[in-house]
């Protein structure tokens, strides 16, 4: 699936996020609409990995400072 990142997501996180999405076996198409594009949105300290076409949420990742 193609991945589009919210512009607010720092560049240094994108590679790790891509690996996490691949590890979670999101699949080749959205279960709800069949779309093939993922959008990663940053809302407060939560990354929402969802279908770009219909908004179906595949997973949420909470960010924490280390």
PDB file of N, CA and C in Angstrom:
ATOM      1  N   UNK A   1       0.832  -1.180   0.000  1.00  0.00           N
ATOM      2  CA  UNK A   1       0.000   0.000   0.000  1.00  0.00           C
ATOM      3  C   UNK A   1       0.882   1.251   0.000  1.00  0.00           C
ATOM      4  N   UNK A   2       0.413   2.260  -0.633  1.00  0.00           N
ATOM      5  CA  UNK A   2       1.106   3.549  -0.652  1.00  0.00           C
ATOM      6  C   UNK A   2       0.832   4.254   0.675  1.00  0.00           C
ATOM      7  N   UNK A   3       1.852   4.929   1.228  1.00  0.00           N
ATOM      8  CA  UNK A   3       1.711   5.620   2.501  1.00  0.00           C
ATOM      9  C   UNK A   3       1.948   7.115   2.306  1.00  0.00           C
ATOM     10  N   UNK A   4       1.004   7.932   2.786  1.00  0.00           N
ATOM     11  CA  UNK A   4       1.125   9.384   2.779  1.00  0.00           C
ATOM     12  C   UNK A   4       1.200   9.828   4.232  1.00  0.00           C
ATOM     13  N   UNK A   5       2.192  10.659   4.545  1.00  0.00           N
ATOM     14  CA  UNK A   5       2.380  11.132   5.910  1.00  0.00           C
ATOM     15  C   UNK A   5       1.873  12.560   6.063  1.00  0.00           C
ATOM     16  N   UNK A   6       1.246  12.827   7.206  1.00  0.00           N
ATOM     17  CA  UNK A   6       0.837  14.180   7.575  1.00  0.00           C
ATOM     18  C   UNK A   6       2.091  15.065   7.549  1.00  0.00           C
ATOM     19  N   UNK A   7       2.008  16.297   7.039  1.00  0.00           N
ATOM     20  CA  UNK A   7       3.186  17.163   6.987  1.00  0.00           C
ATOM     21  C   UNK A   7       3.775  17.493   8.363  1.00  0.00           C
ATOM     22  N   UNK A   8       3.009  17.330   9.430  1.00  0.00           N
ATOM     23  CA  UNK A   8       3.494  17.620  10.784  1.00  0.00           C
ATOM     24  C   UNK A   8       4.372  16.513  11.358  1.00  0.00           C
ATOM     25  N   UNK A   9       4.441  15.376  10.699  1.00  0.00           N
ATOM     26  CA  UNK A   9       5.241  14.260  11.197  1.00  0.00           C
ATOM     27  C   UNK A   9       6.700  14.488  10.829  1.00  0.00           C
ATOM     28  N   UNK A  10       7.600  14.475  11.830  1.00  0.00           N
ATOM     29  CA  UNK A  10       9.019  14.702  11.555  1.00  0.00           C
ATOM     30  C   UNK A  10       9.608  13.646  10.618  1.00  0.00           C
ATOM     31  N   UNK A  11      10.518  14.085   9.756  1.00  0.00           N
ATOM     32  CA  UNK A  11      11.151  13.190   8.777  1.00  0.00           C
ATOM     33  C   UNK A  11      11.825  11.995   9.444  1.00  0.00           C
ATOM     34  N   UNK A  12      12.437  12.202  10.610  1.00  0.00           N
ATOM     35  CA  UNK A  12      13.173  11.112  11.255  1.00  0.00           C
ATOM     36  C   UNK A  12      12.267  10.004  11.784  1.00  0.00           C
ATOM     37  N   UNK A  13      10.962  10.239  11.870  1.00  0.00           N
ATOM     38  CA  UNK A  13      10.027   9.198  12.319  1.00  0.00           C
ATOM     39  C   UNK A  13       9.456   8.376  11.166  1.00  0.00           C
ATOM     40  N   UNK A  14       9.498   8.915   9.968  1.00  0.00           N
ATOM     41  CA  UNK A  14       8.800   8.277   8.841  1.00  0.00           C
ATOM     42  C   UNK A  14       9.315   6.880   8.519  1.00  0.00           C
ATOM     43  N   UNK A  15      10.622   6.673   8.561  1.00  0.00           N
ATOM     44  CA  UNK A  15      11.173   5.350   8.245  1.00  0.00           C
ATOM     45  C   UNK A  15      10.725   4.319   9.278  1.00  0.00           C
ATOM     46  N   UNK A  16      10.777   4.688  10.565  1.00  0.00           N
ATOM     47  CA  UNK A  16      10.323   3.777  11.619  1.00  0.00           C
ATOM     48  C   UNK A  16       8.833   3.496  11.512  1.00  0.00           C
ATOM     49  N   UNK A  17       8.061   4.504  11.163  1.00  0.00           N
ATOM     50  CA  UNK A  17       6.617   4.315  10.989  1.00  0.00           C
ATOM     51  C   UNK A  17       6.330   3.373   9.831  1.00  0.00           C
ATOM     52  N   UNK A  18       7.069   3.519   8.751  1.00  0.00           N
ATOM     53  CA  UNK A  18       6.886   2.630   7.601  1.00  0.00           C
ATOM     54  C   UNK A  18       7.157   1.180   7.997  1.00  0.00           C
ATOM     55  N   UNK A  19       8.218   0.950   8.779  1.00  0.00           N
ATOM     56  CA  UNK A  19       8.534  -0.398   9.251  1.00  0.00           C
ATOM     57  C   UNK A  19       7.426  -0.942  10.135  1.00  0.00           C
ATOM     58  N   UNK A  20       6.899  -0.111  11.023  1.00  0.00           N
ATOM     59  CA  UNK A  20       5.814  -0.540  11.917  1.00  0.00           C
ATOM     60  C   UNK A  20       4.574  -0.906  11.117  1.00  0.00           C
ATOM     61  N   UNK A  21       4.232  -0.103  10.127  1.00  0.00           N
ATOM     62  CA  UNK A  21       3.073  -0.400   9.277  1.00  0.00           C
ATOM     63  C   UNK A  21       3.273  -1.732   8.562  1.00  0.00           C
ATOM     64  N   UNK A  22       4.475  -1.971   8.049  1.00  0.00           N
ATOM     65  CA  UNK A  22       4.776  -3.235   7.368  1.00  0.00           C
ATOM     66  C   UNK A  22       4.666  -4.414   8.334  1.00  0.00           C
ATOM     67  N   UNK A  23       5.151  -4.248   9.556  1.00  0.00           N
ATOM     68  CA  UNK A  23       5.114  -5.318  10.565  1.00  0.00           C
ATOM     69  C   UNK A  23       3.699  -5.638  11.027  1.00  0.00           C
ATOM     70  N   UNK A  24       2.816  -4.658  10.992  1.00  0.00           N
ATOM     71  CA  UNK A  24       1.437  -4.860  11.444  1.00  0.00           C
ATOM     72  C   UNK A  24       0.571  -5.569  10.400  1.00  0.00           C
ATOM     73  N   UNK A  25       1.142  -5.885   9.246  1.00  0.00           N
ATOM     74  CA  UNK A  25       0.424  -6.601   8.193  1.00  0.00           C
ATOM     75  C   UNK A  25      -0.915  -5.945   7.860  1.00  0.00           C
ATOM     76  N   UNK A  26      -0.870  -4.663   7.564  1.00  0.00           N
ATOM     77  CA  UNK A  26      -2.083  -3.924   7.221  1.00  0.00           C
ATOM     78  C   UNK A  26      -2.742  -4.524   5.988  1.00  0.00           C
ATOM     79  N   UNK A  27      -1.962  -5.020   5.072  1.00  0.00           N
ATOM     80  CA  UNK A  27      -2.511  -5.663   3.880  1.00  0.00           C
ATOM     81  C   UNK A  27      -2.304  -4.823   2.637  1.00  0.00           C
ATOM     82  N   UNK A  28      -2.851  -5.299   1.532  1.00  0.00           N
ATOM     83  CA  UNK A  28      -2.693  -4.613   0.252  1.00  0.00           C
ATOM     84  C   UNK A  28      -3.871  -3.704  -0.075  1.00  0.00           C
ATOM     85  N   UNK A  29      -4.976  -3.861   0.672  1.00  0.00           N
ATOM     86  CA  UNK A  29      -6.160  -3.044   0.419  1.00  0.00           C
ATOM     87  C   UNK A  29      -6.964  -2.888   1.711  1.00  0.00           C
ATOM     88  N   UNK A  30      -7.675  -1.792   1.800  1.00  0.00           N
ATOM     89  CA  UNK A  30      -8.517  -1.513   2.960  1.00  0.00           C
ATOM     90  C   UNK A  30      -9.649  -2.531   3.038  1.00  0.00           C
ATOM     91  N   UNK A  31      -9.908  -3.043   4.240  1.00  0.00           N
ATOM     92  CA  UNK A  31     -10.986  -4.010   4.441  1.00  0.00           C
ATOM     93  C   UNK A  31     -12.354  -3.376   4.208  1.00  0.00           C
ATOM     94  N   UNK A  32     -12.473  -2.083   4.460  1.00  0.00           N
ATOM     95  CA  UNK A  32     -13.771  -1.412   4.364  1.00  0.00           C
ATOM     96  C   UNK A  32     -14.129  -0.982   2.941  1.00  0.00           C
ATOM     97  N   UNK A  33     -13.144  -0.425   2.197  1.00  0.00           N
ATOM     98  CA  UNK A  33     -13.485   0.124   0.883  1.00  0.00           C
ATOM     99  C   UNK A  33     -12.632  -0.400  -0.262  1.00  0.00           C
ATOM    100  N   UNK A  34     -11.552  -1.115   0.054  1.00  0.00           N
ATOM    101  CA  UNK A  34     -10.674  -1.635  -0.991  1.00  0.00           C
ATOM    102  C   UNK A  34      -9.601  -0.657  -1.443  1.00  0.00           C
ATOM    103  N   UNK A  35      -9.533   0.515  -0.789  1.00  0.00           N
ATOM    104  CA  UNK A  35      -8.518   1.512  -1.143  1.00  0.00           C
ATOM    105  C   UNK A  35      -7.111   0.994  -0.907  1.00  0.00           C
ATOM    106  N   UNK A  36      -6.149   1.577  -1.637  1.00  0.00           N
ATOM    107  CA  UNK A  36      -4.771   1.084  -1.521  1.00  0.00           C
ATOM    108  C   UNK A  36      -3.802   2.155  -1.027  1.00  0.00           C
ATOM    109  N   UNK A  37      -4.330   3.181  -0.345  1.00  0.00           N
ATOM    110  CA  UNK A  37      -3.478   4.253   0.161  1.00  0.00           C
ATOM    111  C   UNK A  37      -3.740   4.466   1.643  1.00  0.00           C
ATOM    112  N   UNK A  38      -2.659   4.553   2.410  1.00  0.00           N
ATOM    113  CA  UNK A  38      -2.730   4.792   3.850  1.00  0.00           C
ATOM    114  C   UNK A  38      -2.332   6.230   4.118  1.00  0.00           C
ATOM    115  N   UNK A  39      -3.031   6.861   5.063  1.00  0.00           N
ATOM    116  CA  UNK A  39      -2.669   8.201   5.515  1.00  0.00           C
ATOM    117  C   UNK A  39      -2.312   8.116   6.988  1.00  0.00           C
ATOM    118  N   UNK A  40      -1.161   8.658   7.355  1.00  0.00           N
ATOM    119  CA  UNK A  40      -0.739   8.676   8.753  1.00  0.00           C
ATOM    120  C   UNK A  40      -0.920  10.102   9.256  1.00  0.00           C
ATOM    121  N   UNK A  41      -1.901  10.276  10.153  1.00  0.00           N
ATOM    122  CA  UNK A  41      -2.228  11.591  10.691  1.00  0.00           C
ATOM    123  C   UNK A  41      -1.680  11.732  12.100  1.00  0.00           C
ATOM    124  N   UNK A  42      -1.227  12.932  12.436  1.00  0.00           N
ATOM    125  CA  UNK A  42      -0.755  13.235  13.777  1.00  0.00           C
ATOM    126  C   UNK A  42      -1.818  14.081  14.467  1.00  0.00           C
ATOM    127  N   UNK A  43      -2.438  13.503  15.513  1.00  0.00           N
ATOM    128  CA  UNK A  43      -3.481  14.179  16.276  1.00  0.00           C
ATOM    129  C   UNK A  43      -3.043  14.169  17.727  1.00  0.00           C
ATOM    130  N   UNK A  44      -2.709  15.362  18.255  1.00  0.00           N
ATOM    131  CA  UNK A  44      -2.120  15.493  19.589  1.00  0.00           C
ATOM    132  C   UNK A  44      -0.865  14.628  19.642  1.00  0.00           C
ATOM    133  N   UNK A  45      -0.795  13.628  20.491  1.00  0.00           N
ATOM    134  CA  UNK A  45       0.370  12.733  20.568  1.00  0.00           C
ATOM    135  C   UNK A  45       0.039  11.345  20.032  1.00  0.00           C
ATOM    136  N   UNK A  46      -0.966  11.255  19.179  1.00  0.00           N
ATOM    137  CA  UNK A  46      -1.400   9.978  18.620  1.00  0.00           C
ATOM    138  C   UNK A  46      -1.196   9.992  17.105  1.00  0.00           C
ATOM    139  N   UNK A  47      -0.566   8.951  16.598  1.00  0.00           N
ATOM    140  CA  UNK A  47      -0.467   8.740  15.159  1.00  0.00           C
ATOM    141  C   UNK A  47      -1.590   7.798  14.751  1.00  0.00           C
ATOM    142  N   UNK A  48      -2.465   8.260  13.885  1.00  0.00           N
ATOM    143  CA  UNK A  48      -3.579   7.450  13.414  1.00  0.00           C
ATOM    144  C   UNK A  48      -3.252   6.970  12.012  1.00  0.00           C
ATOM    145  N   UNK A  49      -3.127   5.658  11.852  1.00  0.00           N
ATOM    146  CA  UNK A  49      -2.830   5.040  10.559  1.00  0.00           C
ATOM    147  C   UNK A  49      -4.161   4.591   9.982  1.00  0.00           C
ATOM    148  N   UNK A  50      -4.598   5.291   8.918  1.00  0.00           N
ATOM    149  CA  UNK A  50      -5.943   5.033   8.411  1.00  0.00           C
ATOM    150  C   UNK A  50      -5.982   5.024   6.890  1.00  0.00           C
ATOM    151  N   UNK A  51      -7.092   4.540   6.370  1.00  0.00           N
ATOM    152  CA  UNK A  51      -7.310   4.504   4.928  1.00  0.00           C
ATOM    153  C   UNK A  51      -7.495   5.933   4.426  1.00  0.00           C
ATOM    154  N   UNK A  52      -6.800   6.282   3.363  1.00  0.00           N
ATOM    155  CA  UNK A  52      -6.882   7.619   2.794  1.00  0.00           C
ATOM    156  C   UNK A  52      -8.252   7.873   2.171  1.00  0.00           C
ATOM    157  N   UNK A  53      -8.861   6.839   1.602  1.00  0.00           N
ATOM    158  CA  UNK A  53     -10.126   7.000   0.903  1.00  0.00           C
ATOM    159  C   UNK A  53     -11.331   7.093   1.842  1.00  0.00           C
ATOM    160  N   UNK A  54     -11.437   6.177   2.816  1.00  0.00           N
ATOM    161  CA  UNK A  54     -12.650   6.125   3.643  1.00  0.00           C
ATOM    162  C   UNK A  54     -12.435   6.482   5.113  1.00  0.00           C
ATOM    163  N   UNK A  55     -11.181   6.540   5.565  1.00  0.00           N
ATOM    164  CA  UNK A  55     -10.903   6.907   6.950  1.00  0.00           C
ATOM    165  C   UNK A  55     -10.889   5.746   7.930  1.00  0.00           C
ATOM    166  N   UNK A  56     -11.037   4.507   7.446  1.00  0.00           N
ATOM    167  CA  UNK A  56     -10.978   3.335   8.317  1.00  0.00           C
ATOM    168  C   UNK A  56      -9.627   3.306   9.035  1.00  0.00           C
ATOM    169  N   UNK A  57      -9.651   3.196  10.362  1.00  0.00           N
ATOM    170  CA  UNK A  57      -8.420   3.231  11.146  1.00  0.00           C
ATOM    171  C   UNK A  57      -7.842   1.825  11.301  1.00  0.00           C
ATOM    172  N   UNK A  58      -6.595   1.653  10.817  1.00  0.00           N
ATOM    173  CA  UNK A  58      -5.911   0.373  10.939  1.00  0.00           C
ATOM    174  C   UNK A  58      -5.281   0.217  12.318  1.00  0.00           C
ATOM    175  N   UNK A  59      -4.652   1.271  12.821  1.00  0.00           N
ATOM    176  CA  UNK A  59      -4.035   1.241  14.135  1.00  0.00           C
ATOM    177  C   UNK A  59      -3.721   2.654  14.602  1.00  0.00           C
ATOM    178  N   UNK A  60      -3.538   2.787  15.904  1.00  0.00           N
ATOM    179  CA  UNK A  60      -3.129   4.060  16.493  1.00  0.00           C
ATOM    180  C   UNK A  60      -1.854   3.819  17.296  1.00  0.00           C
ATOM    181  N   UNK A  61      -0.941   4.777  17.221  1.00  0.00           N
ATOM    182  CA  UNK A  61       0.332   4.677  17.916  1.00  0.00           C
ATOM    183  C   UNK A  61       0.485   5.926  18.787  1.00  0.00           C
ATOM    184  N   UNK A  62       0.663   5.713  20.091  1.00  0.00           N
ATOM    185  CA  UNK A  62       0.844   6.848  20.988  1.00  0.00           C
ATOM    186  C   UNK A  62       2.315   7.220  21.037  1.00  0.00           C
ATOM    187  N   UNK A  63       2.600   8.490  20.853  1.00  0.00           N
ATOM    188  CA  UNK A  63       3.974   8.986  20.927  1.00  0.00           C
ATOM    189  C   UNK A  63       4.292   9.378  22.359  1.00  0.00           C
ATOM    190  N   UNK A  64       5.492   9.057  22.779  1.00  0.00           N
ATOM    191  CA  UNK A  64       5.951   9.478  24.095  1.00  0.00           C
ATOM    192  C   UNK A  64       7.391   9.949  23.973  1.00  0.00           C
ATOM    193  N   UNK A  65       7.755  10.893  24.808  1.00  0.00           N
ATOM    194  CA  UNK A  65       9.126  11.404  24.781  1.00  0.00           C
ATOM    195  C   UNK A  65      10.010  10.511  25.605  1.00  0.00           C
ATOM    196  N   UNK A  66      11.232  10.255  25.083  1.00  0.00           N
ATOM    197  CA  UNK A  66      12.179   9.413  25.796  1.00  0.00           C
ATOM    198  C   UNK A  66      13.295  10.243  26.357  1.00  0.00           C
TER     199      UNK A  66
END
